[in-house]
Amino acid sequence: MSVPVRVGPSSAHDGPCPFPAPFLTDRLQEVLQLAANGYSNKLIGSQLGTRENTIKSQMAKIMRRLHVDDRTQAVAVAIRLGLVDLDMVVIPQALTVAREDRGR
């Protein structure tokens, strides 16, 4: 059962619009999770053992299904929909050190 949700905005649409929760295959969710970690298409392809062009195609499919225009929007919407596991998003060491330094 799918429940309408509001997401967006997208230049392809006139702002947020309701649509059924998207279905992403396990592979597309893997690609999205790696994108959420800041991996480039080339690095995602290397990690998953596929070509960069395949990842570009999969990212385009993800963006179409999420009704967004770029990978940043795709990650943001995926987080909001619970499609990205935030516990699996790696925070760069430099940011954690900078945060600790501010607290002193």
N, C-alpha and C. Protein backbone atom coordinates (compact mmCIF):
# COMPACT_ATOMS: atom_id res chain seq x y z
N MET A 1 0.84 -1.18 0.00
CA MET A 1 0.00 0.00 0.00
C MET A 1 0.89 1.24 0.00
N SER A 2 0.64 2.15 -0.89
CA SER A 2 1.44 3.38 -0.93
C SER A 2 0.61 4.54 -0.40
N VAL A 3 1.32 5.45 0.24
CA VAL A 3 0.68 6.61 0.84
C VAL A 3 1.25 7.85 0.16
N PRO A 4 0.40 8.78 -0.27
CA PRO A 4 0.93 9.98 -0.91
C PRO A 4 1.78 10.78 0.07
N VAL A 5 2.86 11.34 -0.43
CA VAL A 5 3.71 12.22 0.36
C VAL A 5 4.03 13.45 -0.46
N ARG A 6 4.42 14.51 0.20
CA ARG A 6 4.80 15.73 -0.50
C ARG A 6 6.31 15.85 -0.50
N VAL A 7 6.87 16.09 -1.68
CA VAL A 7 8.29 16.33 -1.81
C VAL A 7 8.52 17.36 -2.89
N GLY A 8 9.72 17.77 -3.08
CA GLY A 8 10.05 18.70 -4.13
C GLY A 8 10.83 19.84 -3.55
N PRO A 9 10.91 20.97 -4.12
CA PRO A 9 10.37 21.29 -5.42
C PRO A 9 11.24 20.78 -6.55
N SER A 10 10.68 20.76 -7.73
CA SER A 10 11.40 20.31 -8.91
C SER A 10 11.07 21.27 -10.03
N SER A 11 12.08 21.65 -10.81
CA SER A 11 11.82 22.58 -11.91
C SER A 11 10.94 21.94 -12.97
N ALA A 12 10.85 20.61 -12.96
CA ALA A 12 9.99 19.91 -13.91
C ALA A 12 8.53 20.00 -13.49
N HIS A 13 8.28 20.44 -12.27
CA HIS A 13 6.92 20.55 -11.74
C HIS A 13 6.75 21.94 -11.15
N ASP A 14 5.57 22.29 -10.79
CA ASP A 14 5.32 23.59 -10.16
C ASP A 14 5.41 23.45 -8.65
N GLY A 15 6.55 23.05 -8.15
CA GLY A 15 6.73 22.90 -6.71
C GLY A 15 6.31 21.53 -6.23
N PRO A 16 6.16 21.40 -4.92
CA PRO A 16 5.82 20.09 -4.35
C PRO A 16 4.50 19.56 -4.87
N CYS A 17 4.47 18.26 -5.12
CA CYS A 17 3.22 17.65 -5.55
C CYS A 17 3.14 16.25 -4.95
N PRO A 18 1.95 15.80 -4.61
CA PRO A 18 1.82 14.47 -4.04
C PRO A 18 2.05 13.39 -5.10
N PHE A 19 2.68 12.31 -4.72
CA PHE A 19 2.83 11.16 -5.59
C PHE A 19 3.04 9.94 -4.71
N PRO A 20 2.74 8.76 -5.22
CA PRO A 20 2.90 7.56 -4.40
C PRO A 20 4.36 7.37 -4.00
N ALA A 21 4.57 6.83 -2.82
CA ALA A 21 5.93 6.55 -2.37
C ALA A 21 6.64 5.72 -3.44
N PRO A 22 7.84 6.12 -3.80
CA PRO A 22 8.54 5.46 -4.90
C PRO A 22 9.03 4.07 -4.53
N PHE A 23 9.12 3.23 -5.51
CA PHE A 23 9.69 1.91 -5.31
C PHE A 23 11.09 1.93 -5.91
N LEU A 24 12.06 1.60 -5.08
CA LEU A 24 13.44 1.49 -5.56
C LEU A 24 13.92 0.06 -5.32
N THR A 25 14.57 -0.49 -6.32
CA THR A 25 15.13 -1.83 -6.17
C THR A 25 16.25 -1.78 -5.12
N ASP A 26 16.65 -2.94 -4.66
CA ASP A 26 17.76 -3.01 -3.70
C ASP A 26 19.00 -2.35 -4.27
N ARG A 27 19.27 -2.58 -5.54
CA ARG A 27 20.45 -2.01 -6.19
C ARG A 27 20.37 -0.49 -6.22
N LEU A 28 19.19 0.06 -6.56
CA LEU A 28 19.04 1.51 -6.59
C LEU A 28 19.19 2.09 -5.19
N GLN A 29 18.73 1.38 -4.18
CA GLN A 29 18.91 1.85 -2.81
C GLN A 29 20.39 1.83 -2.42
N GLU A 30 21.13 0.82 -2.88
CA GLU A 30 22.59 0.78 -2.64
C GLU A 30 23.26 1.99 -3.26
N VAL A 31 22.91 2.28 -4.50
CA VAL A 31 23.49 3.43 -5.21
C VAL A 31 23.17 4.72 -4.45
N LEU A 32 21.94 4.87 -4.03
CA LEU A 32 21.50 6.06 -3.30
C LEU A 32 22.23 6.18 -1.97
N GLN A 33 22.40 5.08 -1.27
CA GLN A 33 23.11 5.10 0.01
C GLN A 33 24.56 5.57 -0.18
N LEU A 34 25.21 5.07 -1.21
CA LEU A 34 26.59 5.50 -1.49
C LEU A 34 26.64 6.97 -1.92
N ALA A 35 25.65 7.41 -2.67
CA ALA A 35 25.57 8.83 -3.05
C ALA A 35 25.40 9.69 -1.81
N ALA A 36 24.62 9.21 -0.84
CA ALA A 36 24.43 9.94 0.41
C ALA A 36 25.73 10.07 1.19
N ASN A 37 26.66 9.16 0.95
CA ASN A 37 27.98 9.22 1.58
C ASN A 37 28.95 10.08 0.79
N GLY A 38 28.48 10.70 -0.28
CA GLY A 38 29.31 11.61 -1.05
C GLY A 38 30.14 10.95 -2.14
N TYR A 39 29.87 9.67 -2.42
CA TYR A 39 30.63 8.97 -3.46
C TYR A 39 30.26 9.52 -4.83
N SER A 40 31.26 9.66 -5.69
CA SER A 40 31.02 10.03 -7.08
C SER A 40 30.46 8.81 -7.82
N ASN A 41 29.95 9.03 -9.02
CA ASN A 41 29.46 7.91 -9.83
C ASN A 41 30.58 6.89 -10.07
N LYS A 42 31.78 7.40 -10.32
CA LYS A 42 32.92 6.52 -10.58
C LYS A 42 33.22 5.66 -9.35
N LEU A 43 33.22 6.26 -8.16
CA LEU A 43 33.49 5.51 -6.93
C LEU A 43 32.37 4.52 -6.62
N ILE A 44 31.14 4.92 -6.87
CA ILE A 44 30.01 4.00 -6.65
C ILE A 44 30.17 2.79 -7.56
N GLY A 45 30.49 3.05 -8.83
CA GLY A 45 30.70 1.96 -9.78
C GLY A 45 31.80 1.03 -9.33
N SER A 46 32.90 1.60 -8.86
CA SER A 46 34.02 0.79 -8.37
C SER A 46 33.60 -0.05 -7.16
N GLN A 47 32.88 0.56 -6.26
CA GLN A 47 32.42 -0.13 -5.05
C GLN A 47 31.47 -1.28 -5.38
N LEU A 48 30.61 -1.07 -6.37
CA LEU A 48 29.59 -2.08 -6.72
C LEU A 48 30.01 -2.98 -7.88
N GLY A 49 31.20 -2.75 -8.41
CA GLY A 49 31.70 -3.61 -9.48
C GLY A 49 30.99 -3.43 -10.80
N THR A 50 30.67 -2.17 -11.12
CA THR A 50 30.00 -1.87 -12.38
C THR A 50 30.60 -0.60 -12.98
N ARG A 51 30.18 -0.28 -14.18
CA ARG A 51 30.74 0.88 -14.89
C ARG A 51 30.10 2.18 -14.44
N GLU A 52 30.85 3.26 -14.59
CA GLU A 52 30.36 4.59 -14.23
C GLU A 52 29.09 4.94 -15.01
N ASN A 53 29.03 4.58 -16.29
CA ASN A 53 27.84 4.88 -17.10
C ASN A 53 26.60 4.16 -16.57
N THR A 54 26.80 2.96 -16.04
CA THR A 54 25.67 2.23 -15.44
C THR A 54 25.15 2.99 -14.23
N ILE A 55 26.06 3.50 -13.42
CA ILE A 55 25.67 4.26 -12.23
C ILE A 55 24.96 5.55 -12.63
N LYS A 56 25.46 6.22 -13.67
CA LYS A 56 24.78 7.43 -14.16
C LYS A 56 23.35 7.12 -14.55
N SER A 57 23.16 6.00 -15.24
CA SER A 57 21.82 5.58 -15.64
C SER A 57 20.95 5.28 -14.42
N GLN A 58 21.53 4.61 -13.44
CA GLN A 58 20.77 4.28 -12.24
C GLN A 58 20.42 5.54 -11.44
N MET A 59 21.35 6.50 -11.37
CA MET A 59 21.05 7.77 -10.69
C MET A 59 19.92 8.51 -11.40
N ALA A 60 19.93 8.49 -12.72
CA ALA A 60 18.85 9.13 -13.48
C ALA A 60 17.51 8.46 -13.17
N LYS A 61 17.51 7.15 -13.07
CA LYS A 61 16.29 6.41 -12.74
C LYS A 61 15.81 6.78 -11.33
N ILE A 62 16.73 6.87 -10.39
CA ILE A 62 16.39 7.27 -9.02
C ILE A 62 15.76 8.65 -9.02
N MET A 63 16.37 9.59 -9.74
CA MET A 63 15.86 10.96 -9.75
C MET A 63 14.47 11.04 -10.39
N ARG A 64 14.25 10.25 -11.44
CA ARG A 64 12.92 10.22 -12.05
C ARG A 64 11.89 9.68 -11.07
N ARG A 65 12.23 8.61 -10.39
CA ARG A 65 11.28 7.99 -9.46
C ARG A 65 10.99 8.88 -8.25
N LEU A 66 11.97 9.70 -7.86
CA LEU A 66 11.77 10.60 -6.73
C LEU A 66 11.26 11.97 -7.15
N HIS A 67 11.14 12.18 -8.48
CA HIS A 67 10.65 13.45 -9.03
C HIS A 67 11.53 14.63 -8.61
N VAL A 68 12.86 14.46 -8.75
CA VAL A 68 13.81 15.52 -8.42
C VAL A 68 14.73 15.74 -9.59
N ASP A 69 15.51 16.83 -9.52
CA ASP A 69 16.37 17.22 -10.63
C ASP A 69 17.84 16.88 -10.47
N ASP A 70 18.30 16.64 -9.24
CA ASP A 70 19.72 16.35 -9.06
C ASP A 70 19.93 15.40 -7.89
N ARG A 71 21.17 14.92 -7.76
CA ARG A 71 21.46 13.90 -6.76
C ARG A 71 21.34 14.44 -5.33
N THR A 72 21.60 15.74 -5.13
CA THR A 72 21.45 16.32 -3.79
C THR A 72 19.99 16.26 -3.36
N GLN A 73 19.09 16.64 -4.26
CA GLN A 73 17.66 16.55 -3.96
C GLN A 73 17.26 15.10 -3.74
N ALA A 74 17.81 14.19 -4.55
CA ALA A 74 17.47 12.77 -4.41
C ALA A 74 17.84 12.27 -3.03
N VAL A 75 19.02 12.63 -2.55
CA VAL A 75 19.45 12.19 -1.22
C VAL A 75 18.56 12.82 -0.15
N ALA A 76 18.27 14.11 -0.27
CA ALA A 76 17.43 14.79 0.73
C ALA A 76 16.05 14.16 0.80
N VAL A 77 15.44 13.91 -0.34
CA VAL A 77 14.11 13.29 -0.38
C VAL A 77 14.17 11.86 0.16
N ALA A 78 15.21 11.14 -0.22
CA ALA A 78 15.36 9.75 0.25
C ALA A 78 15.50 9.70 1.77
N ILE A 79 16.22 10.66 2.34
CA ILE A 79 16.33 10.72 3.80
C ILE A 79 14.96 10.96 4.41
N ARG A 80 14.24 11.91 3.84
CA ARG A 80 12.91 12.24 4.36
C ARG A 80 11.95 11.05 4.28
N LEU A 81 12.09 10.25 3.23
CA LEU A 81 11.22 9.08 3.04
C LEU A 81 11.74 7.84 3.76
N GLY A 82 12.90 7.93 4.37
CA GLY A 82 13.46 6.79 5.08
C GLY A 82 14.11 5.77 4.17
N LEU A 83 14.48 6.18 2.97
CA LEU A 83 15.11 5.27 2.02
C LEU A 83 16.62 5.18 2.21
N VAL A 84 17.19 6.14 2.93
CA VAL A 84 18.62 6.15 3.23
C VAL A 84 18.76 5.92 4.73
N ASP A 85 19.63 4.98 5.08
CA ASP A 85 19.90 4.67 6.48
C ASP A 85 20.94 5.65 7.00
N LEU A 86 20.51 6.58 7.86
CA LEU A 86 21.42 7.61 8.36
C LEU A 86 22.54 7.02 9.21
N ASP A 87 22.32 5.87 9.81
CA ASP A 87 23.38 5.22 10.57
C ASP A 87 24.51 4.75 9.68
N MET A 88 24.24 4.62 8.37
CA MET A 88 25.25 4.17 7.43
C MET A 88 25.94 5.33 6.70
N VAL A 89 25.53 6.56 7.02
CA VAL A 89 26.17 7.73 6.41
C VAL A 89 27.41 8.05 7.23
N VAL A 90 28.55 8.05 6.57
CA VAL A 90 29.83 8.27 7.23
C VAL A 90 30.13 9.77 7.30
N ILE A 91 30.47 10.23 8.49
CA ILE A 91 30.85 11.63 8.67
C ILE A 91 32.36 11.70 8.51
N PRO A 92 32.86 12.55 7.61
CA PRO A 92 34.30 12.66 7.41
C PRO A 92 35.03 13.00 8.70
N GLN A 93 36.18 12.39 8.90
CA GLN A 93 36.98 12.58 10.11
C GLN A 93 37.25 14.05 10.39
N ALA A 94 37.55 14.82 9.35
CA ALA A 94 37.87 16.24 9.53
C ALA A 94 36.71 16.99 10.18
N LEU A 95 35.48 16.62 9.85
CA LEU A 95 34.32 17.29 10.45
C LEU A 95 34.13 16.91 11.90
N THR A 96 34.37 15.66 12.24
CA THR A 96 34.20 15.25 13.64
C THR A 96 35.28 15.89 14.51
N VAL A 97 36.50 16.03 14.00
CA VAL A 97 37.57 16.68 14.75
C VAL A 97 37.26 18.15 14.93
N ALA A 98 36.79 18.82 13.87
CA ALA A 98 36.45 20.24 13.95
C ALA A 98 35.33 20.46 14.97
N ARG A 99 34.38 19.58 15.02
CA ARG A 99 33.26 19.70 15.95
C ARG A 99 33.75 19.56 17.39
N GLU A 100 34.66 18.61 17.62
CA GLU A 100 35.22 18.40 18.95
C GLU A 100 36.03 19.63 19.39
N ASP A 101 36.77 20.23 18.45
CA ASP A 101 37.58 21.41 18.76
C ASP A 101 36.72 22.61 19.17
N ARG A 102 35.53 22.73 18.56
CA ARG A 102 34.63 23.83 18.90
C ARG A 102 34.12 23.72 20.32
N GLY A 103 33.96 22.50 20.81
CA GLY A 103 33.41 22.27 22.14
C GLY A 103 34.40 22.58 23.26
N ARG A 104 35.64 22.82 22.92
CA ARG A 104 36.66 23.06 23.96
C ARG A 104 36.74 24.50 24.34
